[in-house]
Amino acid sequence: LLALSEHKYLANRFHFLIMQEGAARDEEKKARLDEIIAHPFFQQKEEGLKYFREKRFYYNTWAFYLRATGKSEKSYYYRKKVAEIARQHPRYLQEELATYFAALNNLATVEIETGRYDEFLETNARLRNIPEQLKSGLPEDIRLRIFTRSWTHELRMYVQRGMFEEGV
């Protein structure tokens, strides 16, 4: 339990730095990110991860790190892992809806950035399908976030591909 709270703390600290400062555009920012990612938890082989939340913290933090340091292609691997573990744990959808939404949203973003358009269309369909997967009602704020993000992603994909007519 102590290790899990330390992992959560490290992941949250990392996420806060990214949200506060954005991409590592100078050596000082990159050094702060490097300091967190150098922690033994993030240096272990992923096969050593046993628990769902432990995997989520590990994969999410690596994905944020790689994207913040300009390595979207490598970030894709970890974004995909976060979405996969979320799909493997159906109660995750019920219990941590906002986090599940974020996993799919972040995966969709990196799929567009890396030109994985067919995969993006599948991820975006999964994102839009969240309301049908829920047994209970969907909070209005999540419903709005799903709508705005999924359509924004789709328009962004059309623009990136030069398919302007499809975006109309």
Protein backbone atom coordinates (compact mmCIF):
# COMPACT_ATOMS: atom_id res chain seq x y z
CA LEU A 1 0.00 0.00 0.00
CA LEU A 2 2.83 2.36 0.85
CA ALA A 3 4.52 1.66 -2.49
CA LEU A 4 1.26 2.28 -4.35
CA SER A 5 0.77 5.66 -2.66
CA GLU A 6 4.35 6.59 -3.49
CA HIS A 7 3.76 5.61 -7.12
CA LYS A 8 0.57 7.65 -7.18
CA TYR A 9 2.39 10.62 -5.66
CA LEU A 10 5.16 10.41 -8.28
CA ALA A 11 2.66 10.08 -11.13
CA ASN A 12 0.59 13.00 -9.83
CA ARG A 13 3.70 15.14 -9.33
CA PHE A 14 4.76 14.41 -12.87
CA HIS A 15 1.30 15.12 -14.28
CA PHE A 16 1.13 18.40 -12.36
CA LEU A 17 4.48 19.51 -13.81
CA ILE A 18 3.28 18.74 -17.33
CA MET A 19 -0.05 20.50 -16.84
CA GLN A 20 1.64 23.50 -15.22
CA GLU A 21 4.57 23.89 -17.59
CA GLY A 22 3.70 21.98 -20.75
CA ALA A 23 6.37 20.44 -22.94
CA ALA A 24 9.99 20.43 -21.80
CA ARG A 25 11.23 23.25 -23.99
CA ASP A 26 14.38 24.00 -22.01
CA GLU A 27 16.96 21.98 -20.10
CA GLU A 28 15.69 23.07 -16.67
CA LYS A 29 12.16 21.75 -17.33
CA LYS A 30 13.50 18.56 -18.87
CA ALA A 31 15.77 18.04 -15.85
CA ARG A 32 12.76 18.23 -13.49
CA LEU A 33 10.95 15.61 -15.57
CA ASP A 34 14.09 13.47 -15.83
CA GLU A 35 14.42 13.52 -12.03
CA ILE A 36 10.98 11.94 -11.58
CA ILE A 37 11.32 9.42 -14.41
CA ALA A 38 14.70 8.33 -12.95
CA HIS A 39 12.92 6.96 -9.86
CA PRO A 40 13.42 3.16 -9.56
CA PHE A 41 9.67 2.58 -10.01
CA PHE A 42 9.80 4.00 -13.54
CA GLN A 43 13.08 2.27 -14.35
CA GLN A 44 11.85 -1.26 -13.69
CA LYS A 45 10.78 -3.55 -16.50
CA GLU A 46 7.04 -3.44 -17.08
CA GLU A 47 6.82 -7.22 -16.58
CA GLY A 48 7.46 -6.54 -12.87
CA LEU A 49 4.22 -4.58 -12.55
CA LYS A 50 1.50 -6.61 -10.85
CA TYR A 51 -1.43 -4.38 -10.01
CA PHE A 52 -3.82 -2.42 -12.18
CA ARG A 53 -3.20 1.00 -10.61
CA GLU A 54 0.55 0.41 -10.53
CA LYS A 55 0.48 -0.27 -14.28
CA ARG A 56 -1.70 2.75 -14.91
CA PHE A 57 0.67 5.10 -13.04
CA TYR A 58 3.70 3.60 -14.79
CA TYR A 59 2.29 3.70 -18.34
CA ASN A 60 0.66 7.10 -17.96
CA THR A 61 3.78 8.73 -16.60
CA TRP A 62 5.99 7.31 -19.34
CA ALA A 63 3.46 8.46 -21.96
CA PHE A 64 3.41 11.99 -20.53
CA TYR A 65 7.20 12.06 -20.29
CA LEU A 66 7.81 10.92 -23.84
CA ARG A 67 5.25 13.30 -25.33
CA ALA A 68 6.53 16.24 -23.23
CA THR A 69 10.05 15.57 -24.46
CA GLY A 70 8.95 15.46 -28.10
CA LYS A 71 8.74 11.70 -28.57
CA SER A 72 5.09 11.20 -29.56
CA GLU A 73 5.91 8.06 -31.53
CA LYS A 74 7.30 6.34 -28.42
CA SER A 75 4.51 7.82 -26.28
CA TYR A 76 1.98 5.96 -28.42
CA TYR A 77 3.09 2.59 -27.01
CA TYR A 78 2.33 3.67 -23.43
CA ARG A 79 -0.93 5.43 -24.33
CA LYS A 80 -2.07 2.20 -25.98
CA LYS A 81 -1.13 0.22 -22.85
CA VAL A 82 -3.19 2.54 -20.61
CA ALA A 83 -6.24 2.11 -22.86
CA GLU A 84 -5.72 -1.68 -23.01
CA ILE A 85 -5.57 -2.14 -19.25
CA ALA A 86 -8.66 0.03 -18.88
CA ARG A 87 -10.50 -2.19 -21.35
CA GLN A 88 -9.36 -5.32 -19.51
CA HIS A 89 -10.98 -4.07 -16.29
CA PRO A 90 -14.65 -3.33 -17.09
CA ARG A 91 -15.42 -2.04 -13.62
CA TYR A 92 -12.81 0.65 -14.27
CA LEU A 93 -15.31 2.26 -16.63
CA GLN A 94 -17.90 2.44 -13.85
CA GLU A 95 -15.61 3.47 -11.00
CA GLU A 96 -13.20 5.88 -12.67
CA LEU A 97 -15.11 7.23 -15.63
CA ALA A 98 -13.11 10.46 -15.98
CA THR A 99 -9.84 8.51 -15.98
CA TYR A 100 -11.16 6.05 -18.57
CA PHE A 101 -12.27 8.97 -20.72
CA ALA A 102 -8.79 10.53 -20.36
CA ALA A 103 -7.11 7.26 -21.41
CA LEU A 104 -9.09 7.12 -24.66
CA ASN A 105 -8.81 10.87 -25.24
CA ASN A 106 -5.01 10.83 -24.82
CA LEU A 107 -4.68 7.78 -27.06
CA ALA A 108 -6.76 9.50 -29.76
CA THR A 109 -4.52 12.58 -29.56
CA VAL A 110 -1.30 10.63 -30.05
CA GLU A 111 -2.82 8.48 -32.82
CA ILE A 112 -3.57 11.64 -34.80
CA GLU A 113 -0.11 13.09 -34.07
CA THR A 114 1.57 9.92 -35.32
CA GLY A 115 -0.66 9.44 -38.38
CA ARG A 116 -2.42 6.29 -37.15
CA TYR A 117 -5.74 7.38 -38.61
CA ASP A 118 -7.42 3.96 -38.86
CA GLU A 119 -6.60 3.26 -35.23
CA PHE A 120 -7.79 6.74 -34.31
CA LEU A 121 -11.19 6.08 -35.89
CA GLU A 122 -11.55 2.94 -33.74
CA THR A 123 -10.48 4.78 -30.58
CA ASN A 124 -12.82 7.68 -31.33
CA ALA A 125 -15.70 5.23 -31.82
CA ARG A 126 -14.88 3.69 -28.42
CA LEU A 127 -14.85 7.17 -26.92
CA ARG A 128 -18.26 7.96 -28.37
CA ASN A 129 -19.56 4.57 -27.21
CA ILE A 130 -18.89 5.23 -23.51
CA PRO A 131 -22.52 6.24 -22.78
CA GLU A 132 -23.80 2.90 -24.11
CA GLN A 133 -21.28 0.96 -22.00
CA LEU A 134 -22.44 2.46 -18.72
CA LYS A 135 -25.07 0.76 -16.63
CA SER A 136 -25.75 3.92 -14.66
CA GLY A 137 -26.34 7.40 -16.02
CA LEU A 138 -23.58 9.46 -17.51
CA PRO A 139 -22.79 12.78 -15.77
CA GLU A 140 -23.54 15.74 -18.01
CA ASP A 141 -19.99 17.11 -17.82
CA ILE A 142 -18.56 13.81 -19.10
CA ARG A 143 -21.20 13.62 -21.83
CA LEU A 144 -20.19 17.11 -23.00
CA ARG A 145 -16.47 16.29 -22.83
CA ILE A 146 -17.00 13.14 -24.91
CA PHE A 147 -18.97 15.10 -27.50
CA THR A 148 -16.56 18.05 -27.77
CA ARG A 149 -13.32 16.06 -27.66
CA SER A 150 -14.40 13.33 -30.08
CA TRP A 151 -15.61 15.83 -32.68
CA THR A 152 -12.57 18.07 -32.17
CA HIS A 153 -10.30 15.07 -32.69
CA GLU A 154 -12.15 14.07 -35.84
CA LEU A 155 -11.94 17.58 -37.30
CA ARG A 156 -8.26 17.76 -36.39
CA MET A 157 -7.65 14.48 -38.23
CA TYR A 158 -9.40 15.79 -41.35
CA VAL A 159 -7.36 19.00 -41.28
CA GLN A 160 -4.09 17.11 -40.76
CA ARG A 161 -4.91 14.85 -43.72
CA GLY A 162 -5.99 17.79 -45.92
CA MET A 163 -9.55 16.40 -46.11
CA PHE A 164 -11.26 19.74 -45.56
CA GLU A 165 -14.59 18.83 -47.18
CA GLU A 166 -15.10 15.86 -44.81
CA GLY A 167 -14.76 18.20 -41.84
CA VAL A 168 -17.69 20.34 -42.91
